[in-house]
Every structure is written in C-alpha cells, then in structure tokens.
Amino acid sequence: MSDPSFELEVLDVIEESGVLAEIGKHTIRSTCRRFATLNRSAPWPLRASLNLSARELLVPGLPRTVRTALLAAGLAPAPPMIEMP
C-alpha cells in the first residue's frame, strides 16, 4: 500500500521543478504505445483509462497531448475515460 502523503510530496517536488508537463507527456505517449501493442494482439478491443491528478488537469495543452499520443500510437481518438483520485 502506498503512502498518500509521500505521493503528494513527490508530486509537489515535480510540480515545483517545472517538469510535471514533460513527465505527463512522456507517460501518456509511452502508455498509448504500449496499449496499442496490447490491443493489436488481443482477441477483442481493449479499453483503458487515464488516471490523472487534479494538478495534471491544469497542465496547458493536455487535450492536444492526449489526442496526439492516441493518433501516433494508431489508436482512435475516441473520448478517453479519465479518472481522478
């Protein structure tokens, strides 16, 4: 079980350092690529959700980042399911 206070501290450091957007972009792109690979080998279409923090939703250009990552991975730019803890 993870420690929520530690996770918040890590997120604070990432946000204060100014790299939250870049880490988010990298994570979204790599996840879409991996999901596309899994989806191609699955016997039926898979579904996935994107779990973002409230802070990540405030990153400028997030919808464009998600759309670009989906298209680059060959996934349909259908509305993704976005979860917030």
N, C-alpha and C. Protein backbone atom coordinates (compact mmCIF):
# COMPACT_ATOMS: atom_id res chain seq x y z
N MET A 1 0.86 -1.18 0.00
CA MET A 1 0.00 0.00 0.00
C MET A 1 0.89 1.23 0.00
N SER A 2 0.59 2.18 -0.84
CA SER A 2 1.42 3.37 -0.93
C SER A 2 0.98 4.41 0.10
N ASP A 3 1.89 5.30 0.39
CA ASP A 3 1.65 6.36 1.37
C ASP A 3 1.18 7.61 0.63
N PRO A 4 -0.09 8.00 0.76
CA PRO A 4 -0.61 9.16 0.04
C PRO A 4 0.15 10.44 0.34
N SER A 5 0.63 10.63 1.56
CA SER A 5 1.35 11.86 1.88
C SER A 5 2.68 11.90 1.13
N PHE A 6 3.34 10.75 0.97
CA PHE A 6 4.58 10.69 0.21
C PHE A 6 4.32 11.02 -1.25
N GLU A 7 3.24 10.44 -1.79
CA GLU A 7 2.89 10.69 -3.19
C GLU A 7 2.62 12.18 -3.42
N LEU A 8 1.96 12.83 -2.49
CA LEU A 8 1.70 14.26 -2.62
C LEU A 8 2.99 15.06 -2.55
N GLU A 9 3.92 14.65 -1.68
CA GLU A 9 5.20 15.33 -1.58
C GLU A 9 5.98 15.20 -2.88
N VAL A 10 5.98 14.00 -3.46
CA VAL A 10 6.68 13.79 -4.72
C VAL A 10 6.06 14.65 -5.81
N LEU A 11 4.75 14.68 -5.86
CA LEU A 11 4.06 15.49 -6.86
C LEU A 11 4.37 16.97 -6.66
N ASP A 12 4.46 17.43 -5.41
CA ASP A 12 4.82 18.82 -5.13
C ASP A 12 6.21 19.14 -5.68
N VAL A 13 7.16 18.25 -5.45
CA VAL A 13 8.53 18.46 -5.94
C VAL A 13 8.55 18.50 -7.46
N ILE A 14 7.83 17.57 -8.09
CA ILE A 14 7.77 17.53 -9.55
C ILE A 14 7.15 18.81 -10.09
N GLU A 15 6.07 19.25 -9.48
CA GLU A 15 5.38 20.46 -9.93
C GLU A 15 6.27 21.69 -9.75
N GLU A 16 6.91 21.79 -8.59
CA GLU A 16 7.76 22.96 -8.31
C GLU A 16 8.98 23.00 -9.21
N SER A 17 9.47 21.84 -9.65
CA SER A 17 10.64 21.80 -10.51
C SER A 17 10.31 22.17 -11.95
N GLY A 18 9.02 22.19 -12.28
CA GLY A 18 8.61 22.59 -13.62
C GLY A 18 8.62 21.46 -14.64
N VAL A 19 8.72 20.22 -14.20
CA VAL A 19 8.79 19.11 -15.15
C VAL A 19 7.50 18.27 -15.20
N LEU A 20 6.47 18.69 -14.49
CA LEU A 20 5.22 17.93 -14.46
C LEU A 20 4.67 17.72 -15.87
N ALA A 21 4.64 18.74 -16.68
CA ALA A 21 4.08 18.63 -18.03
C ALA A 21 4.88 17.65 -18.87
N GLU A 22 6.21 17.71 -18.80
CA GLU A 22 7.04 16.80 -19.60
C GLU A 22 6.91 15.36 -19.13
N ILE A 23 6.87 15.15 -17.84
CA ILE A 23 6.68 13.78 -17.32
C ILE A 23 5.32 13.26 -17.76
N GLY A 24 4.30 14.10 -17.68
CA GLY A 24 2.96 13.71 -18.10
C GLY A 24 2.91 13.35 -19.58
N LYS A 25 3.54 14.17 -20.42
CA LYS A 25 3.55 13.90 -21.86
C LYS A 25 4.24 12.57 -22.15
N HIS A 26 5.39 12.37 -21.53
CA HIS A 26 6.12 11.12 -21.74
C HIS A 26 5.28 9.92 -21.31
N THR A 27 4.66 10.02 -20.16
CA THR A 27 3.85 8.92 -19.63
C THR A 27 2.67 8.63 -20.55
N ILE A 28 1.99 9.66 -21.01
CA ILE A 28 0.84 9.47 -21.89
C ILE A 28 1.28 8.83 -23.21
N ARG A 29 2.37 9.34 -23.81
CA ARG A 29 2.85 8.78 -25.08
C ARG A 29 3.25 7.32 -24.94
N SER A 30 4.05 7.01 -23.92
CA SER A 30 4.53 5.63 -23.76
C SER A 30 3.38 4.68 -23.41
N THR A 31 2.44 5.14 -22.63
CA THR A 31 1.29 4.30 -22.29
C THR A 31 0.44 4.02 -23.52
N CYS A 32 0.22 5.02 -24.35
CA CYS A 32 -0.56 4.81 -25.57
C CYS A 32 0.14 3.82 -26.50
N ARG A 33 1.46 3.92 -26.63
CA ARG A 33 2.19 2.98 -27.48
C ARG A 33 2.06 1.55 -26.94
N ARG A 34 2.24 1.39 -25.64
CA ARG A 34 2.13 0.06 -25.05
C ARG A 34 0.72 -0.50 -25.18
N PHE A 35 -0.26 0.35 -24.94
CA PHE A 35 -1.65 -0.09 -25.05
C PHE A 35 -1.97 -0.51 -26.48
N ALA A 36 -1.49 0.25 -27.46
CA ALA A 36 -1.75 -0.09 -28.86
C ALA A 36 -1.16 -1.47 -29.18
N THR A 37 0.02 -1.76 -28.68
CA THR A 37 0.63 -3.07 -28.90
C THR A 37 -0.22 -4.18 -28.29
N LEU A 38 -0.65 -3.98 -27.06
CA LEU A 38 -1.52 -4.97 -26.41
C LEU A 38 -2.83 -5.14 -27.16
N ASN A 39 -3.39 -4.02 -27.59
CA ASN A 39 -4.69 -4.04 -28.25
C ASN A 39 -4.63 -4.79 -29.58
N ARG A 40 -3.51 -4.64 -30.31
CA ARG A 40 -3.37 -5.33 -31.59
C ARG A 40 -3.33 -6.85 -31.43
N SER A 41 -2.80 -7.31 -30.32
CA SER A 41 -2.68 -8.76 -30.12
C SER A 41 -3.86 -9.35 -29.32
N ALA A 42 -4.77 -8.53 -28.90
CA ALA A 42 -5.92 -9.02 -28.11
C ALA A 42 -7.00 -9.56 -29.05
N PRO A 43 -7.74 -10.56 -28.59
CA PRO A 43 -8.80 -11.12 -29.44
C PRO A 43 -10.02 -10.20 -29.57
N TRP A 44 -10.12 -9.19 -28.75
CA TRP A 44 -11.21 -8.22 -28.82
C TRP A 44 -10.65 -6.85 -28.42
N PRO A 45 -11.33 -5.78 -28.79
CA PRO A 45 -10.84 -4.44 -28.45
C PRO A 45 -10.76 -4.24 -26.93
N LEU A 46 -9.65 -3.75 -26.49
CA LEU A 46 -9.46 -3.46 -25.07
C LEU A 46 -9.88 -2.04 -24.76
N ARG A 47 -10.12 -1.78 -23.50
CA ARG A 47 -10.44 -0.42 -23.05
C ARG A 47 -9.41 -0.03 -22.00
N ALA A 48 -9.14 1.24 -21.92
CA ALA A 48 -8.18 1.72 -20.93
C ALA A 48 -8.69 3.03 -20.37
N SER A 49 -8.17 3.37 -19.22
CA SER A 49 -8.50 4.67 -18.64
C SER A 49 -7.20 5.40 -18.32
N LEU A 50 -7.30 6.69 -18.24
CA LEU A 50 -6.16 7.55 -17.96
C LEU A 50 -6.40 8.17 -16.59
N ASN A 51 -5.54 7.87 -15.65
CA ASN A 51 -5.69 8.35 -14.28
C ASN A 51 -4.81 9.58 -14.09
N LEU A 52 -5.44 10.73 -13.90
CA LEU A 52 -4.71 11.99 -13.75
C LEU A 52 -5.04 12.63 -12.41
N SER A 53 -4.08 13.35 -11.88
CA SER A 53 -4.35 14.13 -10.67
C SER A 53 -5.04 15.43 -11.08
N ALA A 54 -5.65 16.09 -10.14
CA ALA A 54 -6.28 17.38 -10.41
C ALA A 54 -5.25 18.37 -10.94
N ARG A 55 -4.04 18.30 -10.43
CA ARG A 55 -2.97 19.20 -10.90
C ARG A 55 -2.64 18.97 -12.36
N GLU A 56 -2.63 17.69 -12.75
CA GLU A 56 -2.31 17.38 -14.15
C GLU A 56 -3.37 17.91 -15.10
N LEU A 57 -4.61 17.98 -14.64
CA LEU A 57 -5.67 18.51 -15.50
C LEU A 57 -5.46 19.99 -15.82
N LEU A 58 -4.66 20.66 -15.02
CA LEU A 58 -4.40 22.08 -15.23
C LEU A 58 -3.22 22.34 -16.16
N VAL A 59 -2.52 21.29 -16.58
CA VAL A 59 -1.37 21.45 -17.47
C VAL A 59 -1.88 21.92 -18.83
N PRO A 60 -1.37 23.05 -19.32
CA PRO A 60 -1.81 23.55 -20.62
C PRO A 60 -1.56 22.54 -21.74
N GLY A 61 -2.50 22.42 -22.66
CA GLY A 61 -2.33 21.55 -23.81
C GLY A 61 -2.61 20.08 -23.56
N LEU A 62 -3.16 19.74 -22.41
CA LEU A 62 -3.41 18.32 -22.10
C LEU A 62 -4.28 17.64 -23.15
N PRO A 63 -5.40 18.21 -23.58
CA PRO A 63 -6.21 17.52 -24.60
C PRO A 63 -5.42 17.27 -25.89
N ARG A 64 -4.61 18.23 -26.29
CA ARG A 64 -3.80 18.06 -27.51
C ARG A 64 -2.77 16.95 -27.31
N THR A 65 -2.16 16.90 -26.13
CA THR A 65 -1.18 15.86 -25.83
C THR A 65 -1.81 14.48 -25.93
N VAL A 66 -2.99 14.32 -25.35
CA VAL A 66 -3.69 13.03 -25.37
C VAL A 66 -4.06 12.66 -26.80
N ARG A 67 -4.63 13.59 -27.53
CA ARG A 67 -5.04 13.32 -28.92
C ARG A 67 -3.84 12.95 -29.78
N THR A 68 -2.76 13.69 -29.67
CA THR A 68 -1.55 13.42 -30.46
C THR A 68 -0.98 12.05 -30.11
N ALA A 69 -0.96 11.70 -28.83
CA ALA A 69 -0.43 10.40 -28.40
C ALA A 69 -1.30 9.26 -28.93
N LEU A 70 -2.62 9.44 -28.90
CA LEU A 70 -3.52 8.42 -29.42
C LEU A 70 -3.30 8.21 -30.92
N LEU A 71 -3.24 9.29 -31.66
CA LEU A 71 -3.05 9.20 -33.11
C LEU A 71 -1.69 8.60 -33.45
N ALA A 72 -0.64 9.01 -32.75
CA ALA A 72 0.70 8.49 -33.01
C ALA A 72 0.79 6.99 -32.74
N ALA A 73 0.02 6.52 -31.80
CA ALA A 73 0.02 5.09 -31.46
C ALA A 73 -0.95 4.30 -32.34
N GLY A 74 -1.69 5.00 -33.21
CA GLY A 74 -2.64 4.31 -34.08
C GLY A 74 -3.94 3.97 -33.38
N LEU A 75 -4.23 4.67 -32.31
CA LEU A 75 -5.48 4.44 -31.58
C LEU A 75 -6.51 5.49 -31.99
N ALA A 76 -7.77 5.09 -31.97
CA ALA A 76 -8.84 6.03 -32.32
C ALA A 76 -8.92 7.12 -31.26
N PRO A 77 -9.06 8.37 -31.70
CA PRO A 77 -9.16 9.46 -30.72
C PRO A 77 -10.56 9.57 -30.13
N ALA A 78 -11.07 8.44 -29.69
CA ALA A 78 -12.37 8.42 -29.01
C ALA A 78 -12.21 9.05 -27.63
N PRO A 79 -13.29 9.51 -27.07
CA PRO A 79 -13.16 10.11 -25.74
C PRO A 79 -12.57 9.11 -24.74
N PRO A 80 -11.43 9.45 -24.16
CA PRO A 80 -10.85 8.53 -23.18
C PRO A 80 -11.59 8.63 -21.84
N MET A 81 -11.50 7.59 -21.06
CA MET A 81 -12.03 7.65 -19.70
C MET A 81 -10.92 8.22 -18.83
N ILE A 82 -11.20 9.31 -18.18
CA ILE A 82 -10.20 9.96 -17.32
C ILE A 82 -10.68 9.85 -15.89
N GLU A 83 -9.82 9.29 -15.04
CA GLU A 83 -10.16 9.10 -13.64
C GLU A 83 -9.36 10.08 -12.79
N MET A 84 -10.01 10.59 -11.78
CA MET A 84 -9.32 11.45 -10.81
C MET A 84 -9.48 10.84 -9.44
N PRO A 85 -8.33 10.63 -8.74
CA PRO A 85 -8.43 10.04 -7.39
C PRO A 85 -9.10 10.97 -6.40
